[in-house]
């Protein structure tokens, strides 16, 4: 079953701990899908209908780290700012609930500093 394969690949033991599993997602092309849990028959439960919508398709296991997410936010913000001819006065950063579980209080403070550097008050 897919659930057993996931646990083997990640080395994560049962019981399922959302904070630990939040660092892993499935990538269906450019769509990341967070795991909800493992069903009674070993099937993966996800917070998305992507697999059902796409039918049989290839998915990749992705491991996210807070530093990678922060760096991606930096890169996207710099790129977005390069396309405008005015000073940014604010930044709106939307991070899904699954990804936000990765961030410790210290990671959140670092992200706040990063955002303030990119779009000072």
N, C-alpha and C. Protein backbone atom coordinates (compact mmCIF):
# COMPACT_ATOMS: atom_id res chain seq x y z
N UNK A 1 0.83 -1.21 0.00
CA UNK A 1 0.00 0.00 0.00
C UNK A 1 0.87 1.27 0.00
N UNK A 2 0.32 2.33 -0.53
CA UNK A 2 1.05 3.59 -0.67
C UNK A 2 1.47 4.15 0.68
N UNK A 3 0.65 3.98 1.70
CA UNK A 3 0.99 4.48 3.03
C UNK A 3 2.25 3.84 3.57
N UNK A 4 2.38 2.52 3.39
CA UNK A 4 3.59 1.83 3.84
C UNK A 4 4.82 2.31 3.08
N UNK A 5 4.66 2.51 1.77
CA UNK A 5 5.78 3.00 0.96
C UNK A 5 6.21 4.39 1.43
N UNK A 6 5.24 5.26 1.73
CA UNK A 6 5.56 6.60 2.21
C UNK A 6 6.35 6.54 3.51
N UNK A 7 5.89 5.73 4.45
CA UNK A 7 6.59 5.61 5.72
C UNK A 7 8.00 5.06 5.54
N UNK A 8 8.14 4.11 4.63
CA UNK A 8 9.47 3.54 4.35
C UNK A 8 10.39 4.60 3.73
N UNK A 9 9.90 5.33 2.76
CA UNK A 9 10.71 6.35 2.07
C UNK A 9 11.14 7.47 3.01
N UNK A 10 10.22 7.90 3.89
CA UNK A 10 10.51 9.03 4.76
C UNK A 10 11.22 8.62 6.05
N UNK A 11 11.05 7.36 6.44
CA UNK A 11 11.62 6.92 7.71
C UNK A 11 10.82 7.40 8.91
N UNK A 12 9.62 7.91 8.66
CA UNK A 12 8.77 8.42 9.73
C UNK A 12 7.97 7.27 10.33
N UNK A 13 8.01 7.09 11.65
CA UNK A 13 7.27 6.00 12.28
C UNK A 13 5.82 6.37 12.55
N UNK A 14 5.00 5.35 12.75
CA UNK A 14 3.64 5.58 13.22
C UNK A 14 3.70 5.78 14.72
N UNK A 15 2.81 6.46 15.38
CA UNK A 15 1.61 7.05 14.82
C UNK A 15 1.91 8.31 14.01
N UNK A 16 0.99 8.62 13.13
CA UNK A 16 1.07 9.77 12.23
C UNK A 16 1.11 11.06 13.06
N UNK A 17 2.12 11.86 12.87
CA UNK A 17 2.23 13.14 13.58
C UNK A 17 2.21 14.25 12.52
N UNK A 18 1.12 15.04 12.47
CA UNK A 18 0.99 16.05 11.42
C UNK A 18 2.19 17.00 11.33
N UNK A 19 2.75 17.43 12.45
CA UNK A 19 3.89 18.37 12.41
C UNK A 19 5.08 17.73 11.70
N UNK A 20 5.32 16.44 11.93
CA UNK A 20 6.43 15.75 11.27
C UNK A 20 6.12 15.56 9.80
N UNK A 21 4.90 15.17 9.48
CA UNK A 21 4.53 14.89 8.09
C UNK A 21 4.33 16.15 7.27
N UNK A 22 4.22 17.31 7.90
CA UNK A 22 3.99 18.54 7.15
C UNK A 22 5.17 18.90 6.26
N UNK A 23 6.32 18.32 6.52
CA UNK A 23 7.48 18.62 5.67
C UNK A 23 7.46 17.84 4.35
N UNK A 24 6.53 16.92 4.22
CA UNK A 24 6.42 16.11 3.00
C UNK A 24 5.14 16.44 2.24
N UNK A 25 5.23 16.46 0.94
CA UNK A 25 4.07 16.65 0.06
C UNK A 25 4.24 15.79 -1.17
N UNK A 26 3.16 15.61 -1.88
CA UNK A 26 3.22 15.00 -3.20
C UNK A 26 3.11 16.11 -4.23
N UNK A 27 3.94 16.05 -5.25
CA UNK A 27 3.87 17.02 -6.34
C UNK A 27 3.23 16.35 -7.54
N UNK A 28 2.09 16.86 -7.94
CA UNK A 28 1.43 16.45 -9.18
C UNK A 28 1.70 17.58 -10.16
N UNK A 29 2.79 17.48 -10.92
CA UNK A 29 3.20 18.59 -11.77
C UNK A 29 3.60 19.76 -10.90
N UNK A 30 2.93 20.90 -11.05
CA UNK A 30 3.26 22.07 -10.24
C UNK A 30 2.32 22.25 -9.05
N UNK A 31 1.51 21.25 -8.76
CA UNK A 31 0.58 21.31 -7.63
C UNK A 31 1.09 20.46 -6.49
N UNK A 32 1.31 21.09 -5.32
CA UNK A 32 1.72 20.35 -4.13
C UNK A 32 0.48 19.96 -3.33
N UNK A 33 0.48 18.72 -2.86
CA UNK A 33 -0.65 18.18 -2.12
C UNK A 33 -0.14 17.68 -0.77
N UNK A 34 -0.76 18.16 0.31
CA UNK A 34 -0.38 17.74 1.66
C UNK A 34 -1.10 16.45 2.04
N UNK A 35 -0.44 15.67 2.90
CA UNK A 35 -1.01 14.41 3.39
C UNK A 35 -1.91 14.67 4.58
N UNK A 36 -3.02 13.95 4.59
CA UNK A 36 -3.94 14.01 5.73
C UNK A 36 -3.68 12.85 6.68
N UNK A 37 -3.34 11.69 6.13
CA UNK A 37 -3.08 10.52 6.96
C UNK A 37 -3.02 9.26 6.13
N UNK A 38 -3.03 8.15 6.83
CA UNK A 38 -3.02 6.83 6.17
C UNK A 38 -4.30 6.12 6.58
N UNK A 39 -5.02 5.63 5.60
CA UNK A 39 -6.29 4.95 5.85
C UNK A 39 -6.11 3.55 6.41
N UNK A 40 -7.21 2.93 6.77
CA UNK A 40 -7.20 1.60 7.37
C UNK A 40 -6.58 0.53 6.47
N UNK A 41 -6.69 0.70 5.16
CA UNK A 41 -6.13 -0.27 4.21
C UNK A 41 -4.75 0.14 3.70
N UNK A 42 -4.15 1.17 4.33
CA UNK A 42 -2.82 1.61 3.93
C UNK A 42 -2.82 2.65 2.83
N UNK A 43 -4.01 3.13 2.43
CA UNK A 43 -4.07 4.14 1.39
C UNK A 43 -3.70 5.51 1.95
N UNK A 44 -3.14 6.36 1.10
CA UNK A 44 -2.81 7.72 1.51
C UNK A 44 -4.04 8.60 1.41
N UNK A 45 -4.25 9.39 2.42
CA UNK A 45 -5.33 10.38 2.40
C UNK A 45 -4.66 11.73 2.27
N UNK A 46 -5.15 12.54 1.34
CA UNK A 46 -4.56 13.85 1.07
C UNK A 46 -5.61 14.95 1.20
N UNK A 47 -5.12 16.18 1.44
CA UNK A 47 -6.00 17.34 1.52
C UNK A 47 -6.20 17.92 0.12
N UNK A 48 -6.58 17.11 -0.82
CA UNK A 48 -6.78 17.56 -2.19
C UNK A 48 -7.48 16.47 -2.98
N UNK A 49 -8.13 16.89 -4.03
CA UNK A 49 -8.73 15.91 -4.93
C UNK A 49 -7.88 15.75 -6.18
N UNK A 50 -6.63 16.25 -6.15
CA UNK A 50 -5.77 16.24 -7.35
C UNK A 50 -5.63 14.84 -7.93
N UNK A 51 -5.38 13.86 -7.09
CA UNK A 51 -5.18 12.49 -7.61
C UNK A 51 -6.45 12.00 -8.29
N UNK A 52 -7.59 12.25 -7.69
CA UNK A 52 -8.86 11.82 -8.29
C UNK A 52 -9.14 12.61 -9.56
N UNK A 53 -8.84 13.90 -9.53
CA UNK A 53 -9.10 14.75 -10.70
C UNK A 53 -8.20 14.39 -11.87
N UNK A 54 -6.94 14.07 -11.57
CA UNK A 54 -5.97 13.77 -12.62
C UNK A 54 -6.02 12.33 -13.09
N UNK A 55 -6.60 11.45 -12.29
CA UNK A 55 -6.60 10.03 -12.62
C UNK A 55 -5.21 9.46 -12.40
N UNK A 56 -4.88 8.43 -13.10
CA UNK A 56 -3.57 7.80 -12.96
C UNK A 56 -2.51 8.75 -13.50
N UNK A 57 -1.64 9.21 -12.62
CA UNK A 57 -0.60 10.15 -13.04
C UNK A 57 0.62 9.99 -12.15
N UNK A 58 1.70 10.54 -12.60
CA UNK A 58 2.94 10.48 -11.84
C UNK A 58 2.93 11.55 -10.76
N UNK A 59 3.41 11.17 -9.59
CA UNK A 59 3.56 12.12 -8.49
C UNK A 59 4.97 11.95 -7.93
N UNK A 60 5.50 13.02 -7.40
CA UNK A 60 6.82 12.97 -6.78
C UNK A 60 6.69 13.32 -5.31
N UNK A 61 7.50 12.64 -4.47
CA UNK A 61 7.56 12.97 -3.06
C UNK A 61 8.50 14.14 -2.90
N UNK A 62 8.04 15.18 -2.22
CA UNK A 62 8.82 16.39 -2.02
C UNK A 62 8.98 16.62 -0.53
N UNK A 63 10.21 16.97 -0.13
CA UNK A 63 10.45 17.32 1.27
C UNK A 63 10.73 18.82 1.34
N UNK A 64 9.95 19.52 2.14
CA UNK A 64 10.09 20.96 2.31
C UNK A 64 10.82 21.26 3.61
N UNK A 65 11.59 22.34 3.58
CA UNK A 65 12.27 22.81 4.79
C UNK A 65 11.95 24.29 4.94
N UNK A 66 11.83 24.77 6.18
CA UNK A 66 11.52 26.19 6.38
C UNK A 66 12.48 27.12 5.64
N UNK A 67 13.76 26.81 5.63
CA UNK A 67 14.72 27.68 4.94
C UNK A 67 14.47 27.70 3.44
N UNK A 68 14.04 26.58 2.87
CA UNK A 68 13.74 26.53 1.44
C UNK A 68 12.50 27.36 1.11
N UNK A 69 11.50 27.28 1.97
CA UNK A 69 10.28 28.05 1.77
C UNK A 69 10.61 29.54 1.85
N UNK A 70 11.38 29.94 2.86
CA UNK A 70 11.75 31.34 3.02
C UNK A 70 12.55 31.83 1.81
N UNK A 71 13.48 31.03 1.32
CA UNK A 71 14.27 31.43 0.15
C UNK A 71 13.39 31.54 -1.08
N UNK A 72 12.43 30.66 -1.24
CA UNK A 72 11.50 30.76 -2.37
C UNK A 72 10.68 32.04 -2.29
N UNK A 73 10.25 32.39 -1.08
CA UNK A 73 9.50 33.64 -0.90
C UNK A 73 10.38 34.82 -1.29
N UNK A 74 11.65 34.79 -0.87
CA UNK A 74 12.58 35.87 -1.22
C UNK A 74 12.71 35.97 -2.75
N UNK A 75 12.97 34.85 -3.41
CA UNK A 75 13.16 34.85 -4.87
C UNK A 75 11.92 35.36 -5.60
N UNK A 76 10.74 34.88 -5.20
CA UNK A 76 9.51 35.30 -5.86
C UNK A 76 9.23 36.78 -5.65
N UNK A 77 9.52 37.27 -4.45
CA UNK A 77 9.27 38.67 -4.14
C UNK A 77 10.21 39.58 -4.94
N UNK A 78 11.49 39.22 -4.98
CA UNK A 78 12.45 40.01 -5.76
C UNK A 78 12.04 40.02 -7.23
N UNK A 79 11.64 38.88 -7.74
CA UNK A 79 11.21 38.79 -9.15
C UNK A 79 9.97 39.66 -9.38
N UNK A 80 9.00 39.57 -8.48
CA UNK A 80 7.76 40.35 -8.63
C UNK A 80 8.07 41.85 -8.57
N UNK A 81 8.96 42.26 -7.65
CA UNK A 81 9.31 43.68 -7.52
C UNK A 81 10.02 44.20 -8.76
N UNK A 82 10.73 43.32 -9.47
CA UNK A 82 11.45 43.77 -10.66
C UNK A 82 10.51 44.09 -11.82
N UNK A 83 9.26 43.68 -11.72
CA UNK A 83 8.29 43.91 -12.79
C UNK A 83 7.42 45.15 -12.57
N UNK A 84 7.66 45.88 -11.49
CA UNK A 84 6.85 47.07 -11.22
C UNK A 84 7.75 48.31 -11.16
N UNK A 85 7.17 49.47 -11.40
CA UNK A 85 7.94 50.71 -11.42
C UNK A 85 7.60 51.60 -10.23
N UNK A 86 7.25 51.01 -9.10
CA UNK A 86 6.96 51.75 -7.88
C UNK A 86 7.52 50.98 -6.70
N UNK A 87 7.67 51.66 -5.56
CA UNK A 87 8.18 51.00 -4.36
C UNK A 87 7.06 50.21 -3.70
N UNK A 88 7.35 48.97 -3.35
CA UNK A 88 6.38 48.14 -2.64
C UNK A 88 6.28 48.65 -1.21
N UNK A 89 5.06 48.82 -0.73
CA UNK A 89 4.83 49.30 0.62
C UNK A 89 4.39 48.18 1.56
N UNK A 90 4.06 47.05 0.99
CA UNK A 90 3.60 45.93 1.79
C UNK A 90 3.80 44.65 1.01
N UNK A 91 3.75 43.55 1.74
CA UNK A 91 3.83 42.23 1.09
C UNK A 91 2.79 41.33 1.73
N UNK A 92 2.07 40.63 0.90
CA UNK A 92 1.11 39.64 1.38
C UNK A 92 1.67 38.27 1.04
N UNK A 93 1.94 37.50 2.08
CA UNK A 93 2.49 36.16 1.89
C UNK A 93 1.46 35.17 2.41
N UNK A 94 1.02 34.27 1.54
CA UNK A 94 0.04 33.26 1.92
C UNK A 94 0.74 31.91 1.91
N UNK A 95 0.75 31.28 3.06
CA UNK A 95 1.37 29.96 3.21
C UNK A 95 0.28 29.01 3.68
N UNK A 96 0.13 27.87 3.00
CA UNK A 96 -0.94 26.94 3.37
C UNK A 96 -0.72 26.40 4.78
N UNK A 97 -1.77 25.91 5.38
CA UNK A 97 -1.72 25.42 6.76
C UNK A 97 -0.70 24.29 6.91
N UNK A 98 -0.64 23.39 5.94
CA UNK A 98 0.31 22.28 6.03
C UNK A 98 1.74 22.77 6.07
N UNK A 99 2.08 23.71 5.21
CA UNK A 99 3.44 24.25 5.17
C UNK A 99 3.72 25.08 6.41
N UNK A 100 2.75 25.82 6.88
CA UNK A 100 2.98 26.66 8.06
C UNK A 100 3.31 25.83 9.29
N UNK A 101 2.90 24.57 9.33
CA UNK A 101 3.24 23.69 10.45
C UNK A 101 4.75 23.49 10.57
N UNK A 102 5.46 23.68 9.47
CA UNK A 102 6.92 23.50 9.49
C UNK A 102 7.62 24.57 10.31
N UNK A 103 7.04 25.75 10.39
CA UNK A 103 7.72 26.89 10.98
C UNK A 103 7.64 26.90 12.50
N UNK A 104 8.80 26.95 13.13
CA UNK A 104 8.87 27.16 14.57
C UNK A 104 8.69 28.66 14.82
N UNK A 105 8.61 29.07 16.07
CA UNK A 105 8.50 30.49 16.38
C UNK A 105 9.72 31.24 15.84
N UNK A 106 10.90 30.63 15.96
CA UNK A 106 12.12 31.25 15.45
C UNK A 106 12.07 31.39 13.93
N UNK A 107 11.57 30.36 13.23
CA UNK A 107 11.42 30.43 11.77
C UNK A 107 10.47 31.55 11.37
N UNK A 108 9.39 31.73 12.14
CA UNK A 108 8.43 32.79 11.84
C UNK A 108 9.07 34.17 12.03
N UNK A 109 9.90 34.32 13.06
CA UNK A 109 10.59 35.60 13.26
C UNK A 109 11.54 35.88 12.10
N UNK A 110 12.25 34.85 11.63
CA UNK A 110 13.16 35.01 10.50
C UNK A 110 12.37 35.40 9.24
N UNK A 111 11.21 34.79 9.06
CA UNK A 111 10.37 35.11 7.90
C UNK A 111 9.88 36.55 7.99
N UNK A 112 9.52 36.99 9.19
CA UNK A 112 9.08 38.37 9.38
C UNK A 112 10.21 39.35 9.04
N UNK A 113 11.43 39.04 9.47
CA UNK A 113 12.59 39.90 9.14
C UNK A 113 12.79 39.93 7.63
N UNK A 114 12.72 38.78 6.99
CA UNK A 114 12.88 38.69 5.54
C UNK A 114 11.85 39.56 4.82
N UNK A 115 10.60 39.46 5.23
CA UNK A 115 9.54 40.23 4.58
C UNK A 115 9.76 41.72 4.79
N UNK A 116 10.18 42.11 6.00
CA UNK A 116 10.44 43.51 6.27
C UNK A 116 11.61 44.04 5.45
N UNK A 117 12.58 43.19 5.15
CA UNK A 117 13.69 43.60 4.30
C UNK A 117 13.21 43.80 2.86
N UNK A 118 12.32 42.95 2.42
CA UNK A 118 11.84 43.00 1.03
C UNK A 118 10.83 44.12 0.82
N UNK A 119 10.02 44.40 1.82
CA UNK A 119 9.00 45.44 1.72
C UNK A 119 8.94 46.17 3.05
N UNK A 120 9.92 47.08 3.26
CA UNK A 120 9.97 47.80 4.55
C UNK A 120 8.69 48.61 4.80
N UNK A 121 8.40 48.79 6.06
CA UNK A 121 7.19 49.55 6.43
C UNK A 121 7.36 51.01 6.11
